[in-house]
């Protein structure tokens, strides 16, 4: 009876998974909590048959419950993921993101070429609500440290390192960047030990923090 089929709601986000052989399947993610048993899938087919599902054996999962696992079975690589309605963080489960760790933005696609990737971890990518410059880590450091900053919107970013005399010693960024949280590593192998300052300018936002290089 068609009237008894589960209904996928229009405001649910979609993750469309297709492969090189032309197979395609759509998974859904919702912010609504509750009983999703109506979307439980039949038992998985043999390994050689194309099948995409959440590890919960469902075609729908709730976004608010943390990372979700997606099982890729019988796929022909490359595999393409296409997001509709949400920004997602996509990682491979086997190596905890060493093979794949990407942000997939809504209405964009991500291609997976590595045939070792069989299980994906998907979570919501929340955009920052304000500009921020975080303290570098590690600090003190020798000779490399990471600087992280957040952009609530696309902006032209300049990230510069100065010595105590106000002289520029490094320019780490000078370009347009998308909204999100970004990290840049600075290797100060050719710089003398001492206290330095790093400054970010993004739109009307400006912030300065101190870092220490100890060799």
N, C-alpha and C. Protein backbone atom coordinates (compact mmCIF):
# COMPACT_ATOMS: atom_id res chain seq x y z
N UNK A 1 0.84 -1.18 0.00
CA UNK A 1 0.00 0.00 0.00
C UNK A 1 0.89 1.25 0.00
N UNK A 2 0.87 2.09 -1.04
CA UNK A 2 1.73 3.27 -1.09
C UNK A 2 1.49 4.21 0.08
N UNK A 3 0.28 4.23 0.62
CA UNK A 3 -0.01 5.14 1.73
C UNK A 3 0.73 4.75 3.00
N UNK A 4 1.21 3.52 3.08
CA UNK A 4 1.90 3.05 4.28
C UNK A 4 3.41 3.27 4.21
N UNK A 5 3.91 3.77 3.07
CA UNK A 5 5.34 3.98 2.94
C UNK A 5 5.78 5.15 3.81
N UNK A 6 6.99 5.09 4.41
CA UNK A 6 7.47 6.20 5.22
C UNK A 6 7.67 7.45 4.37
N UNK A 7 7.47 8.62 4.97
CA UNK A 7 7.55 9.88 4.24
C UNK A 7 8.80 10.64 4.68
N UNK A 8 9.64 10.99 3.69
CA UNK A 8 10.81 11.80 3.95
C UNK A 8 10.40 13.27 3.88
N UNK A 9 10.61 14.00 4.96
CA UNK A 9 10.12 15.37 5.03
C UNK A 9 11.04 16.34 4.27
N UNK A 10 10.44 17.41 3.75
CA UNK A 10 11.14 18.33 2.86
C UNK A 10 12.29 19.05 3.54
N UNK A 11 12.18 19.29 4.86
CA UNK A 11 13.23 20.06 5.54
C UNK A 11 14.39 19.18 6.01
N UNK A 12 14.35 17.89 5.73
CA UNK A 12 15.45 17.02 6.11
C UNK A 12 16.63 17.22 5.16
N UNK A 13 17.83 17.20 5.71
CA UNK A 13 19.03 17.28 4.88
C UNK A 13 19.24 15.94 4.17
N UNK A 14 19.87 16.02 3.02
CA UNK A 14 20.10 14.82 2.23
C UNK A 14 21.59 14.64 1.95
N UNK A 15 22.02 13.40 1.92
CA UNK A 15 23.37 13.05 1.51
C UNK A 15 23.23 12.00 0.41
N UNK A 16 23.48 12.43 -0.82
CA UNK A 16 23.34 11.55 -1.98
C UNK A 16 24.68 10.89 -2.25
N UNK A 17 24.69 9.56 -2.31
CA UNK A 17 25.91 8.80 -2.54
C UNK A 17 25.79 8.07 -3.87
N UNK A 18 26.70 8.35 -4.79
CA UNK A 18 26.69 7.69 -6.09
C UNK A 18 28.09 7.16 -6.40
N UNK A 19 28.16 6.16 -7.28
CA UNK A 19 29.46 5.58 -7.61
C UNK A 19 29.72 5.61 -9.11
N UNK A 20 30.91 5.16 -9.49
CA UNK A 20 31.37 5.23 -10.88
C UNK A 20 30.53 4.36 -11.81
N UNK A 21 29.87 3.34 -11.24
CA UNK A 21 29.04 2.44 -12.05
C UNK A 21 27.65 3.01 -12.31
N UNK A 22 27.35 4.17 -11.74
CA UNK A 22 26.05 4.79 -11.97
C UNK A 22 25.01 4.50 -10.91
N UNK A 23 25.40 3.78 -9.87
CA UNK A 23 24.47 3.52 -8.76
C UNK A 23 24.34 4.77 -7.88
N UNK A 24 23.18 4.92 -7.25
CA UNK A 24 22.97 6.08 -6.40
C UNK A 24 21.98 5.75 -5.30
N UNK A 25 22.20 6.35 -4.13
CA UNK A 25 21.30 6.16 -3.00
C UNK A 25 21.31 7.43 -2.17
N UNK A 26 20.19 7.74 -1.52
CA UNK A 26 20.07 8.95 -0.72
C UNK A 26 19.80 8.62 0.74
N UNK A 27 20.59 9.21 1.62
CA UNK A 27 20.37 9.12 3.05
C UNK A 27 19.85 10.46 3.55
N UNK A 28 19.10 10.43 4.65
CA UNK A 28 18.46 11.64 5.16
C UNK A 28 18.90 11.88 6.60
N UNK A 29 19.06 13.16 6.94
CA UNK A 29 19.41 13.55 8.30
C UNK A 29 18.44 14.62 8.77
N UNK A 30 17.92 14.44 9.98
CA UNK A 30 16.90 15.34 10.51
C UNK A 30 17.31 15.84 11.89
N UNK A 31 16.83 17.01 12.26
CA UNK A 31 17.05 17.55 13.59
C UNK A 31 15.99 17.08 14.58
N UNK A 32 14.97 16.42 14.06
CA UNK A 32 13.90 15.94 14.92
C UNK A 32 14.32 14.65 15.64
N UNK A 33 14.08 14.61 16.93
CA UNK A 33 14.29 13.38 17.67
C UNK A 33 12.98 12.61 17.69
N UNK A 34 13.07 11.35 17.97
CA UNK A 34 11.85 10.56 18.01
C UNK A 34 12.05 9.21 17.37
N UNK A 35 10.96 8.56 17.13
CA UNK A 35 11.00 7.20 16.60
C UNK A 35 11.19 7.23 15.09
N UNK A 36 12.32 6.71 14.63
CA UNK A 36 12.61 6.66 13.20
C UNK A 36 12.56 5.22 12.68
N UNK A 37 11.91 4.36 13.42
CA UNK A 37 11.88 2.94 13.05
C UNK A 37 11.22 2.69 11.70
N UNK A 38 10.35 3.62 11.26
CA UNK A 38 9.68 3.44 9.97
C UNK A 38 10.67 3.46 8.81
N UNK A 39 11.89 3.97 9.07
CA UNK A 39 12.88 4.10 8.00
C UNK A 39 13.95 3.01 8.08
N UNK A 40 13.70 2.00 8.89
CA UNK A 40 14.63 0.87 8.97
C UNK A 40 14.67 0.14 7.64
N UNK A 41 15.87 -0.24 7.22
CA UNK A 41 16.06 -0.89 5.93
C UNK A 41 16.04 -2.41 6.08
N UNK A 42 15.79 -3.13 4.97
CA UNK A 42 15.88 -4.59 5.01
C UNK A 42 17.31 -5.02 5.32
N UNK A 43 17.54 -6.28 5.64
CA UNK A 43 18.90 -6.75 5.90
C UNK A 43 19.82 -6.42 4.72
N UNK A 44 21.11 -6.16 4.97
CA UNK A 44 22.04 -5.82 3.89
C UNK A 44 22.13 -6.94 2.85
N UNK A 45 22.29 -6.59 1.58
CA UNK A 45 22.45 -7.59 0.53
C UNK A 45 23.87 -8.16 0.55
N UNK A 46 24.20 -9.11 -0.32
CA UNK A 46 25.58 -9.60 -0.40
C UNK A 46 26.56 -8.47 -0.66
N UNK A 47 27.83 -8.66 -0.26
CA UNK A 47 28.83 -7.60 -0.29
C UNK A 47 29.02 -6.99 -1.67
N UNK A 48 28.81 -7.76 -2.73
CA UNK A 48 29.07 -7.24 -4.07
C UNK A 48 27.93 -6.38 -4.61
N UNK A 49 26.81 -6.31 -3.89
CA UNK A 49 25.67 -5.52 -4.33
C UNK A 49 25.75 -4.12 -3.74
N UNK A 50 25.54 -3.09 -4.57
CA UNK A 50 25.59 -1.70 -4.13
C UNK A 50 24.58 -1.46 -3.01
N UNK A 51 25.08 -0.93 -1.90
CA UNK A 51 24.20 -0.67 -0.76
C UNK A 51 24.81 0.43 0.10
N UNK A 52 24.02 1.44 0.41
CA UNK A 52 24.44 2.56 1.25
C UNK A 52 23.44 2.68 2.39
N UNK A 53 23.92 2.68 3.62
CA UNK A 53 23.03 2.80 4.77
C UNK A 53 23.80 3.29 5.97
N UNK A 54 23.05 3.84 6.94
CA UNK A 54 23.65 4.14 8.24
C UNK A 54 23.91 2.82 8.97
N UNK A 55 24.88 2.83 9.87
CA UNK A 55 25.19 1.62 10.63
C UNK A 55 24.04 1.19 11.52
N UNK A 56 23.09 2.10 11.75
CA UNK A 56 21.89 1.77 12.52
C UNK A 56 20.89 0.97 11.68
N UNK A 57 21.27 0.65 10.43
CA UNK A 57 20.41 -0.09 9.51
C UNK A 57 19.20 0.73 9.07
N UNK A 58 19.42 2.05 8.97
CA UNK A 58 18.33 2.96 8.62
C UNK A 58 18.77 3.87 7.48
N UNK A 59 17.79 4.50 6.85
CA UNK A 59 18.09 5.50 5.82
C UNK A 59 17.96 6.92 6.37
N UNK A 60 17.58 7.05 7.66
CA UNK A 60 17.42 8.35 8.31
C UNK A 60 18.10 8.33 9.66
N UNK A 61 18.80 9.42 9.99
CA UNK A 61 19.40 9.56 11.32
C UNK A 61 19.17 10.97 11.83
N UNK A 62 19.26 11.12 13.14
CA UNK A 62 19.08 12.41 13.78
C UNK A 62 20.42 13.13 13.87
N UNK A 63 20.46 14.38 13.42
CA UNK A 63 21.69 15.17 13.40
C UNK A 63 22.20 15.50 14.79
N UNK A 64 21.32 15.59 15.77
CA UNK A 64 21.70 16.08 17.09
C UNK A 64 22.34 15.02 17.98
N UNK A 65 22.51 13.83 17.49
CA UNK A 65 23.03 12.75 18.33
C UNK A 65 24.49 12.43 18.06
N UNK A 66 25.27 13.40 17.56
CA UNK A 66 26.69 13.18 17.35
C UNK A 66 26.99 12.56 15.99
N UNK A 67 28.18 11.95 15.90
CA UNK A 67 28.62 11.35 14.64
C UNK A 67 27.75 10.15 14.26
N UNK A 68 27.55 10.01 12.96
CA UNK A 68 26.83 8.86 12.43
C UNK A 68 27.74 8.11 11.46
N UNK A 69 27.58 6.80 11.43
CA UNK A 69 28.39 5.98 10.53
C UNK A 69 27.60 5.62 9.29
N UNK A 70 28.25 5.74 8.13
CA UNK A 70 27.66 5.34 6.86
C UNK A 70 28.47 4.19 6.29
N UNK A 71 27.79 3.12 5.95
CA UNK A 71 28.44 1.93 5.42
C UNK A 71 28.36 1.93 3.90
N UNK A 72 29.51 1.78 3.24
CA UNK A 72 29.57 1.70 1.79
C UNK A 72 29.82 0.25 1.40
N UNK A 73 28.91 -0.35 0.69
CA UNK A 73 29.05 -1.76 0.31
C UNK A 73 28.79 -1.92 -1.19
N UNK A 74 29.63 -2.70 -1.84
CA UNK A 74 29.44 -3.00 -3.26
C UNK A 74 29.60 -1.81 -4.16
N UNK A 75 30.35 -0.78 -3.73
CA UNK A 75 30.49 0.43 -4.52
C UNK A 75 31.66 0.31 -5.49
N UNK A 76 31.57 1.01 -6.61
CA UNK A 76 32.65 1.11 -7.58
C UNK A 76 33.25 2.50 -7.48
N UNK A 77 34.53 2.56 -7.12
CA UNK A 77 35.18 3.85 -6.91
C UNK A 77 35.56 4.49 -8.25
N UNK A 78 35.58 5.83 -8.31
CA UNK A 78 35.35 6.78 -7.21
C UNK A 78 33.88 6.89 -6.81
N UNK A 79 33.69 7.25 -5.53
CA UNK A 79 32.36 7.46 -4.96
C UNK A 79 32.17 8.96 -4.75
N UNK A 80 31.00 9.48 -5.08
CA UNK A 80 30.73 10.91 -4.96
C UNK A 80 29.64 11.13 -3.91
N UNK A 81 29.92 12.03 -2.97
CA UNK A 81 28.94 12.45 -1.97
C UNK A 81 28.45 13.85 -2.34
N UNK A 82 27.15 14.06 -2.29
CA UNK A 82 26.57 15.37 -2.58
C UNK A 82 25.63 15.74 -1.45
N UNK A 83 25.85 16.92 -0.87
CA UNK A 83 25.06 17.36 0.28
C UNK A 83 23.96 18.32 -0.15
N UNK A 84 22.79 18.17 0.45
CA UNK A 84 21.68 19.08 0.23
C UNK A 84 21.11 19.48 1.59
N UNK A 85 21.22 20.76 1.93
CA UNK A 85 20.55 21.24 3.13
C UNK A 85 21.41 21.47 4.35
N UNK A 86 22.63 20.91 4.41
CA UNK A 86 23.49 21.09 5.57
C UNK A 86 24.96 21.00 5.17
N UNK A 87 25.81 21.58 6.02
CA UNK A 87 27.25 21.38 5.89
C UNK A 87 27.65 20.23 6.79
N UNK A 88 28.45 19.30 6.26
CA UNK A 88 28.84 18.13 7.02
C UNK A 88 30.36 18.01 7.11
N UNK A 89 30.82 17.38 8.19
CA UNK A 89 32.21 16.93 8.28
C UNK A 89 32.20 15.44 7.94
N UNK A 90 33.02 15.06 6.95
CA UNK A 90 33.09 13.68 6.50
C UNK A 90 34.47 13.12 6.81
N UNK A 91 34.52 12.03 7.56
CA UNK A 91 35.78 11.36 7.90
C UNK A 91 35.68 9.88 7.58
N UNK A 92 36.85 9.25 7.35
CA UNK A 92 36.84 7.79 7.26
C UNK A 92 37.00 7.23 8.67
N UNK A 93 36.23 6.21 8.98
CA UNK A 93 36.23 5.68 10.34
C UNK A 93 37.49 4.88 10.67
N UNK A 94 38.00 4.11 9.70
CA UNK A 94 39.08 3.16 9.99
C UNK A 94 40.32 3.85 10.54
N UNK A 95 40.64 5.05 10.02
CA UNK A 95 41.85 5.76 10.46
C UNK A 95 41.51 7.03 11.23
N UNK A 96 40.27 7.17 11.64
CA UNK A 96 39.82 8.35 12.40
C UNK A 96 40.14 9.65 11.68
N UNK A 97 39.96 9.63 10.35
CA UNK A 97 40.11 10.85 9.58
C UNK A 97 41.46 11.08 8.95
N UNK A 98 42.39 10.11 9.04
CA UNK A 98 43.71 10.30 8.42
C UNK A 98 43.63 10.17 6.89
N UNK A 99 42.77 9.30 6.41
CA UNK A 99 42.60 9.14 4.96
C UNK A 99 41.65 10.19 4.39
N UNK A 100 40.63 10.55 5.17
CA UNK A 100 39.62 11.50 4.71
C UNK A 100 39.11 12.30 5.88
N UNK A 101 39.21 13.62 5.78
CA UNK A 101 38.69 14.53 6.80
C UNK A 101 38.38 15.85 6.10
N UNK A 102 37.15 15.98 5.62
CA UNK A 102 36.80 17.13 4.80
C UNK A 102 35.45 17.72 5.24
N UNK A 103 35.29 19.00 5.00
CA UNK A 103 33.99 19.66 5.18
C UNK A 103 33.27 19.60 3.83
N UNK A 104 32.07 19.05 3.83
CA UNK A 104 31.24 18.99 2.64
C UNK A 104 30.11 20.01 2.82
N UNK A 105 30.15 21.07 2.03
CA UNK A 105 29.16 22.13 2.17
C UNK A 105 27.91 21.81 1.37
N UNK A 106 26.82 22.41 1.79
CA UNK A 106 25.55 22.14 1.12
C UNK A 106 25.62 22.53 -0.36
N UNK A 107 25.01 21.70 -1.17
CA UNK A 107 24.99 21.85 -2.63
C UNK A 107 26.36 21.68 -3.28
N UNK A 108 27.29 21.07 -2.53
CA UNK A 108 28.62 20.76 -3.06
C UNK A 108 28.82 19.25 -3.06
N UNK A 109 29.86 18.82 -3.77
CA UNK A 109 30.15 17.39 -3.88
C UNK A 109 31.56 17.09 -3.40
N UNK A 110 31.77 15.87 -2.97
CA UNK A 110 33.07 15.39 -2.51
C UNK A 110 33.31 14.03 -3.14
N UNK A 111 34.47 13.86 -3.78
CA UNK A 111 34.79 12.60 -4.46
C UNK A 111 35.78 11.79 -3.63
N UNK A 112 35.47 10.52 -3.42
CA UNK A 112 36.34 9.60 -2.67
C UNK A 112 36.96 8.62 -3.66
N UNK A 113 38.27 8.66 -3.76
CA UNK A 113 38.99 7.78 -4.69
C UNK A 113 39.59 6.56 -4.00
N UNK A 114 39.85 6.68 -2.72
CA UNK A 114 40.56 5.64 -1.98
C UNK A 114 39.65 4.46 -1.68
N UNK A 115 39.97 3.31 -2.26
CA UNK A 115 39.12 2.12 -2.11
C UNK A 115 39.19 1.51 -0.71
N UNK A 116 40.12 1.99 0.11
CA UNK A 116 40.21 1.49 1.49
C UNK A 116 39.10 2.07 2.36
N UNK A 117 38.45 3.12 1.90
CA UNK A 117 37.43 3.80 2.69
C UNK A 117 36.09 3.09 2.49
N UNK A 118 35.66 2.37 3.51
CA UNK A 118 34.42 1.59 3.45
C UNK A 118 33.36 2.09 4.44
N UNK A 119 33.81 2.79 5.48
CA UNK A 119 32.89 3.30 6.50
C UNK A 119 33.20 4.78 6.72
N UNK A 120 32.18 5.61 6.63
CA UNK A 120 32.33 7.05 6.83
C UNK A 120 31.72 7.47 8.15
N UNK A 121 32.28 8.52 8.72
CA UNK A 121 31.69 9.17 9.88
C UNK A 121 31.21 10.55 9.43
N UNK A 122 29.96 10.86 9.69
CA UNK A 122 29.39 12.14 9.28
C UNK A 122 28.85 12.87 10.49
N UNK A 123 29.12 14.17 10.55
CA UNK A 123 28.59 15.00 11.63
C UNK A 123 28.31 16.38 11.05
N UNK A 124 27.53 17.17 11.77
CA UNK A 124 27.17 18.50 11.30
C UNK A 124 28.35 19.44 11.47
N UNK A 125 28.59 20.26 10.45
CA UNK A 125 29.63 21.28 10.53
C UNK A 125 28.96 22.60 10.87
N UNK A 126 29.13 23.02 12.11
CA UNK A 126 28.50 24.27 12.56
C UNK A 126 29.42 25.45 12.25
N UNK A 127 28.90 26.48 11.60
CA UNK A 127 29.70 27.66 11.31
C UNK A 127 29.82 28.53 12.55
N UNK A 128 30.98 29.18 12.76
CA UNK A 128 31.14 30.07 13.91
C UNK A 128 30.13 31.22 13.84
N UNK A 129 29.79 31.75 15.02
CA UNK A 129 28.84 32.87 15.09
C UNK A 129 29.55 34.21 15.23
N UNK A 130 30.89 34.18 15.46
CA UNK A 130 31.62 35.43 15.59
C UNK A 130 33.09 35.22 15.22
N UNK A 131 33.78 36.32 14.94
CA UNK A 131 35.21 36.27 14.67
C UNK A 131 35.95 35.94 15.97
N UNK A 132 37.03 35.16 15.84
CA UNK A 132 37.82 34.84 17.03
C UNK A 132 39.23 34.42 16.61
N UNK A 133 40.20 34.80 17.42
CA UNK A 133 41.59 34.36 17.25
C UNK A 133 41.98 33.61 18.50
N UNK A 134 42.35 32.34 18.35
CA UNK A 134 42.69 31.52 19.50
C UNK A 134 44.20 31.58 19.80
N UNK A 135 44.53 31.19 21.05
CA UNK A 135 45.93 31.12 21.44
C UNK A 135 46.61 30.00 20.68
N UNK A 136 47.80 30.29 20.18
CA UNK A 136 48.54 29.25 19.44
C UNK A 136 48.85 28.06 20.33
N UNK A 137 49.04 26.90 19.70
CA UNK A 137 49.36 25.68 20.46
C UNK A 137 50.35 24.85 19.66
N UNK A 138 51.40 24.34 20.27
CA UNK A 138 51.80 24.59 21.67
C UNK A 138 52.39 25.99 21.83
N UNK A 139 52.45 26.42 23.06
CA UNK A 139 53.03 27.72 23.38
C UNK A 139 53.55 27.68 24.81
N UNK A 140 54.86 27.80 25.05
CA UNK A 140 55.95 28.00 24.10
C UNK A 140 56.07 26.84 23.10
N UNK A 141 56.83 27.08 22.01
CA UNK A 141 56.96 26.06 20.97
C UNK A 141 58.37 26.06 20.39
N UNK A 142 58.71 24.96 19.71
CA UNK A 142 59.99 24.83 19.02
C UNK A 142 59.93 23.66 18.05
N UNK A 143 60.05 23.89 16.75
CA UNK A 143 60.01 25.20 16.10
C UNK A 143 58.65 25.48 15.45
N UNK A 144 57.64 24.56 15.67
CA UNK A 144 56.38 24.71 14.94
C UNK A 144 55.20 24.85 15.90
N UNK A 145 54.26 25.71 15.53
CA UNK A 145 53.06 25.90 16.32
C UNK A 145 51.87 26.09 15.38
N UNK A 146 50.68 25.93 15.93
CA UNK A 146 49.46 26.05 15.12
C UNK A 146 48.61 27.21 15.64
N UNK A 147 48.14 28.03 14.70
CA UNK A 147 47.29 29.17 15.02
C UNK A 147 45.91 28.92 14.43
N UNK A 148 44.89 29.04 15.25
CA UNK A 148 43.51 28.76 14.82
C UNK A 148 42.65 30.01 14.97
N UNK A 149 41.76 30.22 14.01
CA UNK A 149 40.87 31.37 14.05
C UNK A 149 39.54 31.02 13.41
N UNK A 150 38.50 31.78 13.76
CA UNK A 150 37.15 31.50 13.30
C UNK A 150 36.60 32.69 12.53
N UNK A 151 35.88 32.40 11.43
CA UNK A 151 35.25 33.41 10.61
C UNK A 151 33.77 33.09 10.48
N UNK A 152 32.87 33.98 10.88
CA UNK A 152 31.44 33.72 10.73
C UNK A 152 30.94 33.94 9.31
N UNK A 153 31.79 34.52 8.46
CA UNK A 153 31.42 34.80 7.07
C UNK A 153 32.70 34.82 6.23
N UNK A 154 32.53 34.76 4.93
CA UNK A 154 33.68 34.85 4.05
C UNK A 154 34.35 36.20 4.22
N UNK A 155 35.69 36.22 4.27
CA UNK A 155 36.41 37.47 4.52
C UNK A 155 37.81 37.39 3.95
N UNK A 156 38.40 38.55 3.68
CA UNK A 156 39.80 38.61 3.29
C UNK A 156 40.62 38.60 4.57
N UNK A 157 41.50 37.63 4.71
CA UNK A 157 42.23 37.41 5.97
C UNK A 157 43.71 37.71 5.77
N UNK A 158 44.25 38.50 6.68
CA UNK A 158 45.70 38.70 6.76
C UNK A 158 46.16 38.26 8.14
N UNK A 159 47.07 37.32 8.18
CA UNK A 159 47.62 36.81 9.45
C UNK A 159 49.13 37.02 9.42
N UNK A 160 49.63 37.87 10.33
CA UNK A 160 51.02 38.32 10.28
C UNK A 160 51.67 38.12 11.64
N UNK A 161 52.97 37.78 11.62
CA UNK A 161 53.76 37.63 12.84
C UNK A 161 54.77 38.77 12.90
N UNK A 162 54.88 39.42 14.09
CA UNK A 162 55.80 40.53 14.30
C UNK A 162 56.72 40.22 15.48
N UNK A 163 57.91 40.84 15.46
CA UNK A 163 58.77 40.75 16.64
C UNK A 163 58.43 41.88 17.60
N UNK A 164 59.17 42.00 18.70
CA UNK A 164 58.84 42.98 19.73
C UNK A 164 59.10 44.42 19.28
N UNK A 165 59.84 44.58 18.18
CA UNK A 165 60.09 45.91 17.63
C UNK A 165 59.01 46.32 16.63
N UNK A 166 58.05 45.41 16.40
CA UNK A 166 57.00 45.70 15.45
C UNK A 166 57.39 45.38 14.02
N UNK A 167 58.50 44.69 13.84
CA UNK A 167 58.96 44.31 12.50
C UNK A 167 58.29 43.00 12.06
N UNK A 168 57.85 42.97 10.83
CA UNK A 168 57.19 41.78 10.30
C UNK A 168 58.23 40.67 10.08
N UNK A 169 57.93 39.47 10.63
CA UNK A 169 58.84 38.34 10.44
C UNK A 169 58.21 37.23 9.59
N UNK A 170 56.87 37.24 9.45
CA UNK A 170 56.22 36.21 8.63
C UNK A 170 54.80 36.64 8.29
N UNK A 171 54.37 36.33 7.07
CA UNK A 171 52.97 36.49 6.67
C UNK A 171 52.40 35.10 6.43
N UNK A 172 51.45 34.69 7.25
CA UNK A 172 50.93 33.33 7.20
C UNK A 172 49.69 33.22 6.33
N UNK A 173 48.98 34.32 6.14
CA UNK A 173 47.78 34.31 5.29
C UNK A 173 47.56 35.71 4.73
N UNK A 174 47.14 35.77 3.47
CA UNK A 174 46.79 37.03 2.84
C UNK A 174 45.88 36.71 1.66
N UNK A 175 44.63 36.35 1.98
CA UNK A 175 43.75 35.83 0.94
C UNK A 175 42.30 35.79 1.43
N UNK A 176 41.37 35.61 0.49
CA UNK A 176 39.97 35.36 0.82
C UNK A 176 39.83 33.98 1.44
N UNK A 177 39.02 33.87 2.48
CA UNK A 177 38.76 32.59 3.12
C UNK A 177 37.28 32.44 3.41
N UNK A 178 36.78 31.22 3.29
CA UNK A 178 35.37 30.94 3.56
C UNK A 178 35.09 30.98 5.06
N UNK A 179 33.82 31.14 5.38
CA UNK A 179 33.39 31.05 6.78
C UNK A 179 33.76 29.68 7.34
N UNK A 180 34.14 29.66 8.62
CA UNK A 180 34.51 28.39 9.25
C UNK A 180 35.66 28.60 10.21
N UNK A 181 36.16 27.52 10.76
CA UNK A 181 37.32 27.54 11.65
C UNK A 181 38.53 27.04 10.88
N UNK A 182 39.58 27.82 10.88
CA UNK A 182 40.77 27.52 10.09
C UNK A 182 41.98 27.41 11.01
N UNK A 183 42.96 26.60 10.61
CA UNK A 183 44.21 26.48 11.35
C UNK A 183 45.38 26.59 10.38
N UNK A 184 46.41 27.31 10.81
CA UNK A 184 47.62 27.49 10.01
C UNK A 184 48.82 27.16 10.89
N UNK A 185 49.74 26.36 10.37
CA UNK A 185 50.96 26.03 11.11
C UNK A 185 52.07 27.00 10.73
N UNK A 186 52.85 27.39 11.72
CA UNK A 186 54.01 28.25 11.48
C UNK A 186 55.25 27.54 11.96
N UNK A 187 56.19 27.33 11.03
CA UNK A 187 57.48 26.73 11.35
C UNK A 187 58.49 27.86 11.47
N UNK A 188 58.98 28.09 12.67
CA UNK A 188 59.90 29.19 12.95
C UNK A 188 61.33 28.68 13.07
N UNK A 189 61.66 27.68 12.27
CA UNK A 189 62.98 27.07 12.35
C UNK A 189 64.11 28.04 12.07
N UNK A 190 63.86 29.07 11.26
CA UNK A 190 64.91 30.04 10.92
C UNK A 190 64.79 31.35 11.70
N UNK A 191 63.99 31.32 12.78
CA UNK A 191 63.76 32.51 13.59
C UNK A 191 64.41 32.33 14.96
N UNK A 192 64.96 33.41 15.51
CA UNK A 192 65.60 33.35 16.83
C UNK A 192 64.56 33.19 17.94
N UNK A 193 64.99 32.61 19.04
CA UNK A 193 64.12 32.50 20.21
C UNK A 193 63.67 33.88 20.67
N UNK A 194 62.48 33.91 21.25
CA UNK A 194 61.99 35.19 21.76
C UNK A 194 60.49 35.26 21.80
N UNK A 195 59.98 36.41 22.17
CA UNK A 195 58.54 36.67 22.22
C UNK A 195 58.12 37.36 20.92
N UNK A 196 57.05 36.86 20.33
CA UNK A 196 56.53 37.42 19.08
C UNK A 196 55.03 37.66 19.23
N UNK A 197 54.49 38.39 18.30
CA UNK A 197 53.06 38.70 18.30
C UNK A 197 52.47 38.32 16.95
N UNK A 198 51.27 37.69 16.99
CA UNK A 198 50.59 37.39 15.73
C UNK A 198 49.27 38.15 15.69
N UNK A 199 49.00 38.75 14.53
CA UNK A 199 47.85 39.62 14.35
C UNK A 199 46.99 39.14 13.20
N UNK A 200 45.69 39.13 13.41
CA UNK A 200 44.76 38.80 12.34
C UNK A 200 43.91 40.02 12.01
N UNK A 201 43.71 40.22 10.72
CA UNK A 201 42.77 41.22 10.23
C UNK A 201 41.82 40.51 9.28
N UNK A 202 40.52 40.62 9.55
CA UNK A 202 39.50 39.98 8.71
C UNK A 202 38.28 40.88 8.71
N UNK A 203 38.01 41.51 7.57
CA UNK A 203 36.93 42.48 7.55
C UNK A 203 37.25 43.62 8.51
N UNK A 204 36.33 43.92 9.41
CA UNK A 204 36.57 44.96 10.42
C UNK A 204 37.17 44.38 11.71
N UNK A 205 37.37 43.06 11.73
CA UNK A 205 37.89 42.40 12.94
C UNK A 205 39.41 42.46 12.96
N UNK A 206 39.94 42.73 14.14
CA UNK A 206 41.39 42.76 14.35
C UNK A 206 41.70 42.24 15.74
N UNK A 207 42.70 41.36 15.84
CA UNK A 207 43.07 40.80 17.15
C UNK A 207 44.55 40.45 17.14
N UNK A 208 45.19 40.60 18.31
CA UNK A 208 46.61 40.32 18.45
C UNK A 208 46.83 39.43 19.67
N UNK A 209 47.71 38.43 19.52
CA UNK A 209 48.08 37.59 20.65
C UNK A 209 49.60 37.38 20.65
N UNK A 210 50.09 36.98 21.82
CA UNK A 210 51.53 36.80 22.01
C UNK A 210 51.89 35.32 21.96
N UNK A 211 53.04 35.02 21.36
CA UNK A 211 53.55 33.64 21.39
C UNK A 211 55.02 33.66 21.73
N UNK A 212 55.53 32.51 22.20
CA UNK A 212 56.91 32.42 22.65
C UNK A 212 57.63 31.27 21.96
N UNK A 213 58.77 31.59 21.33
CA UNK A 213 59.60 30.59 20.67
C UNK A 213 60.81 30.31 21.54
N UNK A 214 60.95 29.05 21.96
CA UNK A 214 62.07 28.65 22.81
C UNK A 214 62.86 27.56 22.12
N UNK A 215 64.12 27.82 21.83
CA UNK A 215 64.98 26.82 21.17
C UNK A 215 66.08 26.35 22.11
